[in-house]
Amino acid sequence: MQRFIRGSIVQAQTGTMAQEELASTRAAELARANRQSRSRRAVQKGGVIYVHQARAIVSKKQELDTRKKVEKVERELEQLKKQTLRERKKIWKPIFQELKKSKLKLKPHSPKNVRRC
């Protein structure tokens, strides 16, 4: 019975160690896959380049891309503002024309007729 108990304890410890090792192996594989999935675009053609220089070039490109995206969104926003203004003018134009027509029919007020209190 002692052997059975010791054997089961050893098996439990071995199983736990195997699970921990498997988890660390999976984590290492995932980290490696993330490293390898990065862009492998050519940063420079010809010549020697250091890693910090390549990273600086990549960060500049990313910054330019984000600036372009921001500018594009700002242009679209400006176009939407102009479009809403045009639509508003289109809606109010007939109303203002009617008001002008109605003012022409009415007599204009002269400053002499205006009462001051």
Protein backbone atom coordinates (compact mmCIF):
# COMPACT_ATOMS: atom_id res chain seq x y z
CA MET A 1 0.00 0.00 0.00
CA GLN A 2 2.92 2.38 0.76
CA ARG A 3 4.27 1.84 -2.76
CA PHE A 4 0.88 2.63 -4.26
CA ILE A 5 0.61 5.89 -2.31
CA ARG A 6 4.17 6.95 -3.16
CA GLY A 7 3.64 6.07 -6.82
CA SER A 8 0.44 8.08 -7.04
CA ILE A 9 2.12 11.09 -5.36
CA VAL A 10 5.04 10.87 -7.80
CA GLN A 11 2.63 10.62 -10.73
CA ALA A 12 0.68 13.64 -9.50
CA GLN A 13 3.87 15.69 -9.15
CA THR A 14 5.08 14.57 -12.57
CA GLY A 15 1.72 15.47 -14.12
CA THR A 16 1.77 18.92 -12.51
CA MET A 17 5.32 19.55 -13.75
CA ALA A 18 4.35 18.39 -17.24
CA GLN A 19 1.37 20.77 -17.29
CA GLU A 20 3.55 23.69 -16.15
CA GLU A 21 6.16 22.87 -18.78
CA LEU A 22 3.47 22.63 -21.45
CA ALA A 23 2.07 26.02 -20.44
CA SER A 24 5.51 27.65 -20.58
CA THR A 25 6.18 26.01 -23.94
CA ARG A 26 2.90 27.34 -25.31
CA ALA A 27 3.69 30.80 -24.01
CA ALA A 28 7.12 30.68 -25.64
CA GLU A 29 5.58 29.52 -28.93
CA LEU A 30 3.03 32.31 -28.82
CA ALA A 31 5.71 34.92 -28.12
CA ARG A 32 7.81 33.56 -31.00
CA ALA A 33 4.82 33.65 -33.34
CA ASN A 34 4.16 37.27 -32.36
CA ARG A 35 7.76 38.20 -33.06
CA GLN A 36 7.69 36.49 -36.43
CA SER A 37 4.36 37.97 -37.46
CA ARG A 38 5.81 41.48 -37.52
CA SER A 39 6.24 43.17 -40.82
CA ARG A 40 9.22 42.04 -42.85
CA ARG A 41 9.15 44.98 -45.21
CA ALA A 42 12.41 46.28 -46.58
CA VAL A 43 13.33 49.44 -44.74
CA GLN A 44 16.35 50.33 -46.78
CA LYS A 45 17.80 49.15 -50.05
CA GLY A 46 21.52 48.63 -49.97
CA GLY A 47 24.01 49.56 -47.33
CA VAL A 48 24.30 48.76 -43.68
CA ILE A 49 21.65 49.78 -41.20
CA TYR A 50 21.48 49.39 -37.46
CA VAL A 51 18.42 48.10 -35.69
CA HIS A 52 17.74 51.39 -33.92
CA GLN A 53 17.88 53.19 -37.27
CA ALA A 54 15.43 50.72 -38.82
CA ARG A 55 13.07 51.11 -35.86
CA ALA A 56 13.27 54.89 -36.18
CA ILE A 57 12.42 54.67 -39.89
CA VAL A 58 9.48 52.37 -39.20
CA SER A 59 8.17 54.63 -36.44
CA LYS A 60 8.40 57.65 -38.77
CA LYS A 61 6.45 55.77 -41.44
CA GLN A 62 3.79 54.81 -38.91
CA GLU A 63 3.58 58.40 -37.70
CA LEU A 64 3.16 59.65 -41.27
CA ASP A 65 0.45 57.06 -41.89
CA THR A 66 -1.46 58.15 -38.80
CA ARG A 67 -1.10 61.83 -39.80
CA LYS A 68 -2.47 61.06 -43.25
CA LYS A 69 -5.41 59.20 -41.73
CA VAL A 70 -6.14 62.09 -39.35
CA GLU A 71 -5.96 64.62 -42.19
CA LYS A 72 -8.29 62.48 -44.29
CA VAL A 73 -10.81 62.29 -41.46
CA GLU A 74 -10.56 66.05 -40.93
CA ARG A 75 -11.20 66.67 -44.64
CA GLU A 76 -14.21 64.37 -44.54
CA LEU A 77 -15.51 66.20 -41.47
CA GLU A 78 -15.08 69.54 -43.21
CA GLN A 79 -16.94 68.22 -46.26
CA LEU A 80 -19.78 67.04 -44.03
CA LYS A 81 -19.98 70.46 -42.38
CA LYS A 82 -20.12 72.16 -45.78
CA GLN A 83 -22.75 69.71 -46.98
CA THR A 84 -24.97 70.33 -43.95
CA LEU A 85 -24.57 74.08 -44.45
CA ARG A 86 -25.58 73.73 -48.12
CA GLU A 87 -28.59 71.63 -47.14
CA ARG A 88 -29.60 74.17 -44.51
CA LYS A 89 -29.31 76.98 -47.06
CA LYS A 90 -31.31 74.96 -49.55
CA ILE A 91 -34.10 74.49 -47.01
CA TRP A 92 -34.20 78.12 -45.86
CA LYS A 93 -33.77 79.80 -49.26
CA PRO A 94 -37.44 79.53 -50.32
CA ILE A 95 -38.54 80.72 -46.89
CA PHE A 96 -36.34 83.81 -47.08
CA GLN A 97 -37.53 84.53 -50.62
CA GLU A 98 -41.12 84.45 -49.42
CA LEU A 99 -40.21 86.80 -46.61
CA LYS A 100 -38.63 89.23 -49.06
CA LYS A 101 -41.72 89.13 -51.22
CA SER A 102 -43.96 89.81 -48.24
CA LYS A 103 -41.76 92.73 -47.13
CA LEU A 104 -42.11 94.34 -50.50
CA LYS A 105 -45.87 94.35 -50.14
CA LEU A 106 -45.70 96.00 -46.73
CA LYS A 107 -44.86 99.65 -46.30
CA PRO A 108 -41.40 100.26 -44.93
CA HIS A 109 -41.28 102.06 -41.59
CA SER A 110 -39.79 105.47 -41.57
CA PRO A 111 -37.90 106.72 -38.53
CA LYS A 112 -40.52 109.48 -38.02
CA ASN A 113 -43.30 106.97 -37.42
CA VAL A 114 -41.41 105.05 -34.79
CA ARG A 115 -42.36 105.94 -31.21
CA ARG A 116 -39.76 106.32 -28.60
CA CYS A 117 -40.61 105.56 -25.03
